[in-house]
Amino acid sequence: MTLVRPAFKLTHRGAMLILNAAIDAAEDMGVPQCIAIVDEGCNLLSFIRMDGARVLSIESATRKAMTAATTGQPTGGIAADKALLLAEATSGRMTNLFGGLPLIADGHIVGGIGVGSGTGERDLQIAEAAVAAFNRHMNGGTSA
């Protein structure tokens, strides 16, 4: 009987690499953002509210990251009628707003990123840029 199993964990350095890549993308677009990085258990590892980002986006960015980490799927792809059920079933802790992506290393979900304060399209583009930076780093063989 196996009582313990090995697990992939996102480190604080990995979270900071992702956060900095998202900040760079947001600055390049000229869109201040709230950016949240969570681990696989939805524990907040890093967060920033960039100058000029909307205060109410603090919660939505965090919920996007948590939703992506929990489901292993990008946020924003659920039909509207199901999205309402999702919010209700989770007491509003999960969201279907665009801008959340899972963080995957070697086939394992290690966390999620959530970006909020711009349009859904911009939020998603910034999250995609951050995930791409993480993937490049992981594929380069350097640990995060």
C-alpha atoms as a PDB file:
ATOM      1  CA  MET A   1       0.000   0.000   0.000  1.00  0.00           C
ATOM      2  CA  THR A   2       1.376   3.392  -1.017  1.00  0.00           C
ATOM      3  CA  LEU A   3       0.905   6.054   1.627  1.00  0.00           C
ATOM      4  CA  VAL A   4       2.910   8.887   0.093  1.00  0.00           C
ATOM      5  CA  ARG A   5       3.392  10.050  -3.473  1.00  0.00           C
ATOM      6  CA  PRO A   6       5.858  12.462  -5.020  1.00  0.00           C
ATOM      7  CA  ALA A   7       4.447  15.788  -6.160  1.00  0.00           C
ATOM      8  CA  PHE A   8       5.474  18.605  -8.464  1.00  0.00           C
ATOM      9  CA  LYS A   9       5.435  21.953  -6.662  1.00  0.00           C
ATOM     10  CA  LEU A  10       5.728  25.458  -8.078  1.00  0.00           C
ATOM     11  CA  THR A  11       8.451  27.304  -6.175  1.00  0.00           C
ATOM     12  CA  HIS A  12       8.454  30.952  -5.187  1.00  0.00           C
ATOM     13  CA  ARG A  13      11.104  31.528  -7.866  1.00  0.00           C
ATOM     14  CA  GLY A  14       8.848  29.929 -10.464  1.00  0.00           C
ATOM     15  CA  ALA A  15       5.974  32.131  -9.315  1.00  0.00           C
ATOM     16  CA  MET A  16       8.159  35.237  -9.553  1.00  0.00           C
ATOM     17  CA  LEU A  17       9.357  34.305 -13.054  1.00  0.00           C
ATOM     18  CA  ILE A  18       5.715  34.014 -14.163  1.00  0.00           C
ATOM     19  CA  LEU A  19       4.713  37.222 -12.359  1.00  0.00           C
ATOM     20  CA  ASN A  20       7.574  39.214 -13.895  1.00  0.00           C
ATOM     21  CA  ALA A  21       6.754  37.911 -17.388  1.00  0.00           C
ATOM     22  CA  ALA A  22       3.132  38.985 -16.908  1.00  0.00           C
ATOM     23  CA  ILE A  23       4.206  42.423 -15.670  1.00  0.00           C
ATOM     24  CA  ASP A  24       6.456  42.833 -18.723  1.00  0.00           C
ATOM     25  CA  ALA A  25       3.610  41.866 -21.072  1.00  0.00           C
ATOM     26  CA  ALA A  26       1.173  44.227 -19.333  1.00  0.00           C
ATOM     27  CA  GLU A  27       3.663  47.100 -19.501  1.00  0.00           C
ATOM     28  CA  ASP A  28       4.335  46.393 -23.189  1.00  0.00           C
ATOM     29  CA  MET A  29       0.573  46.647 -23.821  1.00  0.00           C
ATOM     30  CA  GLY A  30       0.203  49.689 -21.585  1.00  0.00           C
ATOM     31  CA  VAL A  31      -2.481  47.925 -19.525  1.00  0.00           C
ATOM     32  CA  PRO A  32      -2.062  47.963 -15.721  1.00  0.00           C
ATOM     33  CA  GLN A  33      -3.195  44.662 -14.249  1.00  0.00           C
ATOM     34  CA  CYS A  34      -3.806  42.678 -11.116  1.00  0.00           C
ATOM     35  CA  ILE A  35      -1.858  39.423 -11.455  1.00  0.00           C
ATOM     36  CA  ALA A  36      -2.176  36.415  -9.146  1.00  0.00           C
ATOM     37  CA  ILE A  37      -0.147  33.194  -9.110  1.00  0.00           C
ATOM     38  CA  VAL A  38      -1.387  30.245  -7.032  1.00  0.00           C
ATOM     39  CA  ASP A  39      -0.001  26.759  -6.442  1.00  0.00           C
ATOM     40  CA  GLU A  40      -1.867  23.519  -7.163  1.00  0.00           C
ATOM     41  CA  GLY A  41      -3.753  23.843  -3.864  1.00  0.00           C
ATOM     42  CA  CYS A  42      -4.885  27.393  -4.733  1.00  0.00           C
ATOM     43  CA  ASN A  43      -2.548  28.960  -2.168  1.00  0.00           C
ATOM     44  CA  LEU A  44      -1.440  32.426  -3.241  1.00  0.00           C
ATOM     45  CA  LEU A  45       2.287  32.477  -4.088  1.00  0.00           C
ATOM     46  CA  SER A  46       2.628  35.911  -5.664  1.00  0.00           C
ATOM     47  CA  PHE A  47       0.417  38.869  -6.452  1.00  0.00           C
ATOM     48  CA  ILE A  48       0.724  42.405  -7.708  1.00  0.00           C
ATOM     49  CA  ARG A  49      -1.686  45.228  -8.319  1.00  0.00           C
ATOM     50  CA  MET A  50       0.130  47.359 -10.846  1.00  0.00           C
ATOM     51  CA  ASP A  51      -0.171  51.141 -10.609  1.00  0.00           C
ATOM     52  CA  GLY A  52      -3.524  52.081 -12.118  1.00  0.00           C
ATOM     53  CA  ALA A  53      -5.063  48.594 -11.986  1.00  0.00           C
ATOM     54  CA  ARG A  54      -8.633  48.383 -10.717  1.00  0.00           C
ATOM     55  CA  VAL A  55      -8.993  47.527  -7.038  1.00  0.00           C
ATOM     56  CA  LEU A  56     -11.977  45.247  -7.681  1.00  0.00           C
ATOM     57  CA  SER A  57      -9.796  43.178 -10.023  1.00  0.00           C
ATOM     58  CA  ILE A  58      -7.783  41.926  -7.041  1.00  0.00           C
ATOM     59  CA  GLU A  59     -10.501  39.356  -6.322  1.00  0.00           C
ATOM     60  CA  SER A  60     -11.239  38.433  -9.931  1.00  0.00           C
ATOM     61  CA  ALA A  61      -7.553  37.853 -10.771  1.00  0.00           C
ATOM     62  CA  THR A  62      -7.156  35.605  -7.740  1.00  0.00           C
ATOM     63  CA  ARG A  63     -10.334  33.681  -8.563  1.00  0.00           C
ATOM     64  CA  LYS A  64      -9.211  33.216 -12.169  1.00  0.00           C
ATOM     65  CA  ALA A  65      -5.921  31.710 -10.955  1.00  0.00           C
ATOM     66  CA  MET A  66      -7.728  29.438  -8.487  1.00  0.00           C
ATOM     67  CA  THR A  67     -10.233  28.287 -11.102  1.00  0.00           C
ATOM     68  CA  ALA A  68      -7.507  27.458 -13.635  1.00  0.00           C
ATOM     69  CA  ALA A  69      -5.447  25.592 -11.019  1.00  0.00           C
ATOM     70  CA  THR A  70      -8.472  23.620  -9.828  1.00  0.00           C
ATOM     71  CA  THR A  71      -9.880  22.690 -13.234  1.00  0.00           C
ATOM     72  CA  GLY A  72      -6.647  22.481 -15.222  1.00  0.00           C
ATOM     73  CA  GLN A  73      -8.413  24.489 -17.931  1.00  0.00           C
ATOM     74  CA  PRO A  74      -8.376  28.104 -19.100  1.00  0.00           C
ATOM     75  CA  THR A  75     -11.146  30.255 -17.666  1.00  0.00           C
ATOM     76  CA  GLY A  76     -13.750  31.767 -19.944  1.00  0.00           C
ATOM     77  CA  GLY A  77     -14.738  28.665 -21.871  1.00  0.00           C
ATOM     78  CA  ILE A  78     -17.815  27.555 -19.972  1.00  0.00           C
ATOM     79  CA  ALA A  79     -21.303  28.171 -21.380  1.00  0.00           C
ATOM     80  CA  ALA A  80     -23.102  31.069 -19.680  1.00  0.00           C
ATOM     81  CA  ASP A  81     -25.754  28.883 -18.016  1.00  0.00           C
ATOM     82  CA  LYS A  82     -23.074  26.606 -16.553  1.00  0.00           C
ATOM     83  CA  ALA A  83     -20.944  29.573 -15.423  1.00  0.00           C
ATOM     84  CA  LEU A  84     -23.737  30.729 -13.143  1.00  0.00           C
ATOM     85  CA  LEU A  85     -23.937  27.247 -11.632  1.00  0.00           C
ATOM     86  CA  LEU A  86     -20.143  27.224 -11.177  1.00  0.00           C
ATOM     87  CA  ALA A  87     -20.236  30.481  -9.237  1.00  0.00           C
ATOM     88  CA  GLU A  88     -23.193  29.307  -7.153  1.00  0.00           C
ATOM     89  CA  ALA A  89     -21.698  25.885  -6.378  1.00  0.00           C
ATOM     90  CA  THR A  90     -18.415  27.414  -5.205  1.00  0.00           C
ATOM     91  CA  SER A  91     -19.858  30.401  -3.296  1.00  0.00           C
ATOM     92  CA  GLY A  92     -18.308  32.680  -5.901  1.00  0.00           C
ATOM     93  CA  ARG A  93     -14.772  31.344  -5.416  1.00  0.00           C
ATOM     94  CA  MET A  94     -14.518  30.141  -9.033  1.00  0.00           C
ATOM     95  CA  THR A  95     -15.123  32.266 -12.106  1.00  0.00           C
ATOM     96  CA  ASN A  96     -15.548  31.941 -15.839  1.00  0.00           C
ATOM     97  CA  LEU A  97     -14.041  35.328 -16.717  1.00  0.00           C
ATOM     98  CA  PHE A  98     -11.257  35.210 -19.321  1.00  0.00           C
ATOM     99  CA  GLY A  99      -7.698  35.597 -18.039  1.00  0.00           C
ATOM    100  CA  GLY A 100      -7.003  32.453 -16.012  1.00  0.00           C
ATOM    101  CA  LEU A 101      -4.644  29.712 -17.213  1.00  0.00           C
ATOM    102  CA  PRO A 102      -3.323  26.554 -15.576  1.00  0.00           C
ATOM    103  CA  LEU A 103       0.410  26.170 -15.010  1.00  0.00           C
ATOM    104  CA  ILE A 104       1.554  22.731 -16.112  1.00  0.00           C
ATOM    105  CA  ALA A 105       4.994  21.155 -15.649  1.00  0.00           C
ATOM    106  CA  ASP A 106       5.767  17.716 -17.069  1.00  0.00           C
ATOM    107  CA  GLY A 107       2.048  16.991 -17.383  1.00  0.00           C
ATOM    108  CA  HIS A 108       1.281  17.975 -13.774  1.00  0.00           C
ATOM    109  CA  ILE A 109      -0.843  20.952 -12.791  1.00  0.00           C
ATOM    110  CA  VAL A 110       1.403  22.998 -10.505  1.00  0.00           C
ATOM    111  CA  GLY A 111      -0.774  26.097 -10.219  1.00  0.00           C
ATOM    112  CA  GLY A 112      -2.593  28.821 -12.058  1.00  0.00           C
ATOM    113  CA  ILE A 113      -2.256  32.428 -13.150  1.00  0.00           C
ATOM    114  CA  GLY A 114      -5.061  34.953 -13.127  1.00  0.00           C
ATOM    115  CA  VAL A 115      -4.904  38.359 -14.777  1.00  0.00           C
ATOM    116  CA  GLY A 116      -7.572  41.027 -14.403  1.00  0.00           C
ATOM    117  CA  SER A 117      -8.235  44.725 -14.924  1.00  0.00           C
ATOM    118  CA  GLY A 118      -8.231  44.942 -18.708  1.00  0.00           C
ATOM    119  CA  THR A 119     -10.577  43.455 -21.245  1.00  0.00           C
ATOM    120  CA  GLY A 120     -10.934  39.683 -21.141  1.00  0.00           C
ATOM    121  CA  GLU A 121      -8.934  39.474 -24.362  1.00  0.00           C
ATOM    122  CA  ARG A 122      -6.043  41.514 -22.947  1.00  0.00           C
ATOM    123  CA  ASP A 123      -6.121  39.634 -19.652  1.00  0.00           C
ATOM    124  CA  LEU A 124      -5.814  36.363 -21.564  1.00  0.00           C
ATOM    125  CA  GLN A 125      -2.983  37.655 -23.787  1.00  0.00           C
ATOM    126  CA  ILE A 126      -0.964  38.670 -20.746  1.00  0.00           C
ATOM    127  CA  ALA A 127      -1.583  35.334 -19.025  1.00  0.00           C
ATOM    128  CA  GLU A 128      -0.545  33.524 -22.223  1.00  0.00           C
ATOM    129  CA  ALA A 129       2.700  35.519 -22.402  1.00  0.00           C
ATOM    130  CA  ALA A 130       3.508  34.609 -18.791  1.00  0.00           C
ATOM    131  CA  VAL A 131       2.745  30.912 -19.317  1.00  0.00           C
ATOM    132  CA  ALA A 132       4.872  30.925 -22.478  1.00  0.00           C
ATOM    133  CA  ALA A 133       7.815  32.333 -20.477  1.00  0.00           C
ATOM    134  CA  PHE A 134       7.337  29.616 -17.839  1.00  0.00           C
ATOM    135  CA  ASN A 135       7.171  26.912 -20.520  1.00  0.00           C
ATOM    136  CA  ARG A 136      10.318  28.223 -22.244  1.00  0.00           C
ATOM    137  CA  HIS A 137      12.139  28.118 -18.936  1.00  0.00           C
ATOM    138  CA  MET A 138      10.888  24.610 -18.144  1.00  0.00           C
ATOM    139  CA  ASN A 139      11.719  23.314 -21.626  1.00  0.00           C
ATOM    140  CA  GLY A 140      15.190  24.806 -21.344  1.00  0.00           C
ATOM    141  CA  GLY A 141      15.861  22.347 -18.540  1.00  0.00           C
ATOM    142  CA  THR A 142      16.377  24.976 -15.847  1.00  0.00           C
ATOM    143  CA  SER A 143      14.358  24.441 -12.699  1.00  0.00           C
ATOM    144  CA  ALA A 144      12.088  27.215 -11.589  1.00  0.00           C
END
